[in-house]
Amino acid sequence: MVAYGASDGASPGGDEPMADGPQSAEEPGKAPGDTPDAPETEAQRRRRRAQFLRELHEAKALRDRVQPRRVKAARMRQAMRMRTFRW
């Protein structure tokens, strides 16, 4: 029998967390000068919202690529809704 993965049960990367790049000890989305008590500015809120929407769109696109049957069913439901809609 062929065993897949590590034979000793350890994860491939060990106990080290995966890092995408240099991370600071602070929260990843915060600037170093921000304090937790300071109110968020409109520009910061828009920046966070834009980042969130980009990631959401990317996640939906990934889901559509890996689950084509679900996408086709959703397209068919939408087409049925459009056909039955009355002005």
N, C-alpha and C. Protein backbone atom coordinates (compact mmCIF):
# COMPACT_ATOMS: atom_id res chain seq x y z
N MET A 1 0.84 -1.17 0.00
CA MET A 1 0.00 0.00 0.00
C MET A 1 0.89 1.24 0.00
N VAL A 2 0.48 2.25 -0.76
CA VAL A 2 1.24 3.49 -0.86
C VAL A 2 0.61 4.51 0.07
N ALA A 3 1.44 5.11 0.91
CA ALA A 3 0.95 6.14 1.83
C ALA A 3 1.15 7.50 1.19
N TYR A 4 0.09 8.30 1.21
CA TYR A 4 0.17 9.64 0.67
C TYR A 4 0.41 10.62 1.79
N GLY A 5 1.25 11.61 1.58
CA GLY A 5 1.52 12.61 2.61
C GLY A 5 2.68 12.18 3.49
N ALA A 6 2.88 12.90 4.58
CA ALA A 6 3.98 12.61 5.50
C ALA A 6 3.65 11.36 6.31
N SER A 7 4.62 10.49 6.48
CA SER A 7 4.37 9.24 7.18
C SER A 7 4.34 9.42 8.69
N ASP A 8 4.96 10.48 9.22
CA ASP A 8 4.98 10.67 10.67
C ASP A 8 3.80 11.51 11.16
N GLY A 9 2.89 11.90 10.27
CA GLY A 9 1.71 12.65 10.67
C GLY A 9 1.95 14.15 10.77
N ALA A 10 3.15 14.61 10.56
CA ALA A 10 3.44 16.05 10.65
C ALA A 10 2.94 16.73 9.39
N SER A 11 2.59 17.99 9.51
CA SER A 11 2.17 18.74 8.34
C SER A 11 3.40 19.03 7.48
N PRO A 12 3.19 19.23 6.16
CA PRO A 12 4.34 19.43 5.27
C PRO A 12 5.22 20.61 5.66
N GLY A 13 4.66 21.64 6.23
CA GLY A 13 5.45 22.81 6.57
C GLY A 13 5.90 22.81 8.01
N GLY A 14 5.63 21.76 8.74
CA GLY A 14 5.97 21.75 10.16
C GLY A 14 4.98 22.61 10.92
N ASP A 15 5.40 23.16 12.03
CA ASP A 15 4.52 24.00 12.84
C ASP A 15 4.61 25.46 12.47
N GLU A 16 5.39 25.79 11.46
CA GLU A 16 5.57 27.16 11.03
C GLU A 16 4.30 27.65 10.33
N PRO A 17 3.79 28.84 10.65
CA PRO A 17 2.64 29.37 9.91
C PRO A 17 3.07 29.81 8.52
N MET A 18 2.15 29.71 7.57
CA MET A 18 2.47 30.13 6.21
C MET A 18 2.50 31.65 6.16
N ALA A 19 3.51 32.19 5.53
CA ALA A 19 3.64 33.65 5.44
C ALA A 19 3.73 34.04 3.97
N ASP A 20 2.98 35.05 3.57
CA ASP A 20 3.02 35.53 2.20
C ASP A 20 4.10 36.58 2.00
N GLY A 21 4.67 37.04 3.06
CA GLY A 21 5.69 38.08 2.96
C GLY A 21 5.98 38.59 4.35
N PRO A 22 6.76 39.65 4.44
CA PRO A 22 7.07 40.18 5.77
C PRO A 22 5.81 40.70 6.45
N GLN A 23 5.57 40.23 7.64
CA GLN A 23 4.39 40.64 8.41
C GLN A 23 4.86 41.36 9.66
N SER A 24 4.14 42.39 10.04
CA SER A 24 4.46 43.07 11.29
C SER A 24 3.67 42.42 12.41
N ALA A 25 4.03 42.74 13.65
CA ALA A 25 3.33 42.17 14.79
C ALA A 25 1.94 42.78 14.92
N GLU A 26 1.70 43.92 14.28
CA GLU A 26 0.40 44.56 14.33
C GLU A 26 -0.56 43.88 13.36
N GLU A 27 -1.80 44.31 13.39
CA GLU A 27 -2.81 43.77 12.49
C GLU A 27 -2.39 44.08 11.05
N PRO A 28 -2.54 43.11 10.11
CA PRO A 28 -2.01 43.29 8.76
C PRO A 28 -2.61 44.47 8.00
N GLY A 29 -3.88 44.82 8.20
CA GLY A 29 -4.49 45.88 7.42
C GLY A 29 -4.27 47.27 7.98
N LYS A 30 -3.62 47.39 9.10
CA LYS A 30 -3.46 48.68 9.77
C LYS A 30 -2.12 49.31 9.44
N ALA A 31 -2.11 50.62 9.40
CA ALA A 31 -0.86 51.34 9.23
C ALA A 31 -0.16 51.41 10.58
N PRO A 32 1.17 51.49 10.62
CA PRO A 32 1.89 51.50 11.90
C PRO A 32 1.49 52.64 12.83
N GLY A 33 1.06 53.79 12.32
CA GLY A 33 0.73 54.92 13.17
C GLY A 33 -0.69 54.90 13.71
N ASP A 34 -1.52 53.96 13.26
CA ASP A 34 -2.91 53.93 13.71
C ASP A 34 -3.02 53.47 15.15
N THR A 35 -3.90 54.10 15.88
CA THR A 35 -4.19 53.65 17.24
C THR A 35 -5.58 53.06 17.25
N PRO A 36 -5.86 52.09 18.10
CA PRO A 36 -7.17 51.45 18.10
C PRO A 36 -8.31 52.40 18.48
N ASP A 37 -8.01 53.48 19.23
CA ASP A 37 -9.04 54.40 19.68
C ASP A 37 -9.37 55.47 18.64
N ALA A 38 -8.49 55.67 17.67
CA ALA A 38 -8.69 56.72 16.68
C ALA A 38 -9.84 56.33 15.74
N PRO A 39 -10.74 57.28 15.44
CA PRO A 39 -11.84 56.97 14.52
C PRO A 39 -11.30 56.76 13.11
N GLU A 40 -11.96 55.87 12.38
CA GLU A 40 -11.53 55.55 11.03
C GLU A 40 -11.93 56.68 10.08
N THR A 41 -11.02 57.08 9.22
CA THR A 41 -11.34 58.14 8.27
C THR A 41 -12.12 57.55 7.10
N GLU A 42 -12.75 58.43 6.35
CA GLU A 42 -13.54 57.99 5.20
C GLU A 42 -12.65 57.30 4.16
N ALA A 43 -11.45 57.83 3.96
CA ALA A 43 -10.53 57.23 2.99
C ALA A 43 -10.11 55.82 3.41
N GLN A 44 -9.84 55.64 4.71
CA GLN A 44 -9.48 54.30 5.20
C GLN A 44 -10.64 53.33 5.02
N ARG A 45 -11.85 53.78 5.31
CA ARG A 45 -13.02 52.92 5.17
C ARG A 45 -13.21 52.52 3.71
N ARG A 46 -13.07 53.49 2.79
CA ARG A 46 -13.22 53.18 1.37
C ARG A 46 -12.13 52.22 0.90
N ARG A 47 -10.89 52.40 1.41
CA ARG A 47 -9.79 51.52 1.03
C ARG A 47 -10.06 50.09 1.49
N ARG A 48 -10.52 49.96 2.75
CA ARG A 48 -10.84 48.62 3.27
C ARG A 48 -11.99 47.99 2.49
N ARG A 49 -12.99 48.80 2.15
CA ARG A 49 -14.15 48.29 1.42
C ARG A 49 -13.73 47.83 0.02
N ALA A 50 -12.89 48.62 -0.65
CA ALA A 50 -12.42 48.25 -1.99
C ALA A 50 -11.63 46.94 -1.93
N GLN A 51 -10.78 46.80 -0.91
CA GLN A 51 -10.00 45.57 -0.76
C GLN A 51 -10.94 44.38 -0.54
N PHE A 52 -11.93 44.56 0.32
CA PHE A 52 -12.90 43.49 0.59
C PHE A 52 -13.64 43.09 -0.68
N LEU A 53 -14.09 44.08 -1.45
CA LEU A 53 -14.84 43.78 -2.67
C LEU A 53 -13.96 43.08 -3.70
N ARG A 54 -12.67 43.48 -3.78
CA ARG A 54 -11.76 42.79 -4.70
C ARG A 54 -11.62 41.32 -4.32
N GLU A 55 -11.42 41.07 -3.01
CA GLU A 55 -11.25 39.69 -2.55
C GLU A 55 -12.53 38.88 -2.73
N LEU A 56 -13.69 39.52 -2.51
CA LEU A 56 -14.96 38.84 -2.70
C LEU A 56 -15.15 38.44 -4.16
N HIS A 57 -14.84 39.37 -5.07
CA HIS A 57 -14.96 39.08 -6.50
C HIS A 57 -14.02 37.94 -6.90
N GLU A 58 -12.81 37.96 -6.37
CA GLU A 58 -11.84 36.91 -6.67
C GLU A 58 -12.33 35.55 -6.16
N ALA A 59 -12.91 35.53 -4.96
CA ALA A 59 -13.42 34.28 -4.39
C ALA A 59 -14.59 33.75 -5.21
N LYS A 60 -15.47 34.63 -5.66
CA LYS A 60 -16.60 34.19 -6.48
C LYS A 60 -16.12 33.64 -7.82
N ALA A 61 -15.13 34.30 -8.41
CA ALA A 61 -14.58 33.82 -9.69
C ALA A 61 -13.94 32.45 -9.52
N LEU A 62 -13.24 32.25 -8.41
CA LEU A 62 -12.63 30.95 -8.14
C LEU A 62 -13.71 29.89 -7.98
N ARG A 63 -14.76 30.21 -7.22
CA ARG A 63 -15.85 29.25 -7.03
C ARG A 63 -16.50 28.90 -8.36
N ASP A 64 -16.67 29.89 -9.23
CA ASP A 64 -17.27 29.63 -10.54
C ASP A 64 -16.39 28.72 -11.38
N ARG A 65 -15.07 28.87 -11.26
CA ARG A 65 -14.17 28.01 -12.03
C ARG A 65 -14.17 26.58 -11.53
N VAL A 66 -14.25 26.39 -10.22
CA VAL A 66 -14.13 25.03 -9.69
C VAL A 66 -15.48 24.32 -9.59
N GLN A 67 -16.60 25.05 -9.73
CA GLN A 67 -17.92 24.43 -9.68
C GLN A 67 -18.75 24.85 -10.88
N PRO A 68 -18.38 24.41 -12.08
CA PRO A 68 -19.08 24.87 -13.28
C PRO A 68 -20.55 24.44 -13.31
N ARG A 69 -20.88 23.31 -12.68
CA ARG A 69 -22.28 22.86 -12.69
C ARG A 69 -23.17 23.83 -11.91
N ARG A 70 -22.65 24.32 -10.79
CA ARG A 70 -23.42 25.29 -10.00
C ARG A 70 -23.63 26.59 -10.79
N VAL A 71 -22.61 27.00 -11.53
CA VAL A 71 -22.71 28.23 -12.31
C VAL A 71 -23.75 28.06 -13.41
N LYS A 72 -23.74 26.90 -14.05
CA LYS A 72 -24.72 26.67 -15.13
C LYS A 72 -26.14 26.67 -14.56
N ALA A 73 -26.34 26.03 -13.41
CA ALA A 73 -27.66 26.01 -12.79
C ALA A 73 -28.11 27.42 -12.42
N ALA A 74 -27.20 28.23 -11.88
CA ALA A 74 -27.53 29.61 -11.52
C ALA A 74 -27.89 30.42 -12.76
N ARG A 75 -27.16 30.19 -13.86
CA ARG A 75 -27.46 30.88 -15.11
C ARG A 75 -28.86 30.50 -15.62
N MET A 76 -29.19 29.21 -15.51
CA MET A 76 -30.51 28.74 -15.95
C MET A 76 -31.62 29.34 -15.08
N ARG A 77 -31.40 29.42 -13.77
CA ARG A 77 -32.41 30.02 -12.89
C ARG A 77 -32.60 31.49 -13.22
N GLN A 78 -31.52 32.20 -13.46
CA GLN A 78 -31.61 33.62 -13.81
C GLN A 78 -32.36 33.79 -15.13
N ALA A 79 -32.09 32.93 -16.12
CA ALA A 79 -32.78 33.02 -17.40
C ALA A 79 -34.27 32.77 -17.21
N MET A 80 -34.63 31.82 -16.35
CA MET A 80 -36.04 31.55 -16.08
C MET A 80 -36.70 32.76 -15.41
N ARG A 81 -36.00 33.38 -14.48
CA ARG A 81 -36.53 34.58 -13.83
C ARG A 81 -36.78 35.69 -14.85
N MET A 82 -35.83 35.85 -15.76
CA MET A 82 -35.97 36.91 -16.76
C MET A 82 -37.12 36.62 -17.71
N ARG A 83 -37.36 35.35 -18.06
CA ARG A 83 -38.45 35.00 -18.96
C ARG A 83 -39.81 35.20 -18.31
N THR A 84 -39.89 34.98 -17.00
CA THR A 84 -41.19 35.07 -16.32
C THR A 84 -41.48 36.44 -15.76
N PHE A 85 -40.55 37.38 -15.87
CA PHE A 85 -40.75 38.72 -15.35
C PHE A 85 -41.70 39.49 -16.25
N ARG A 86 -42.66 40.18 -15.63
CA ARG A 86 -43.60 40.99 -16.43
C ARG A 86 -43.37 42.47 -16.12
N TRP A 87 -43.40 43.30 -17.15
CA TRP A 87 -43.20 44.74 -16.98
C TRP A 87 -44.44 45.38 -16.48
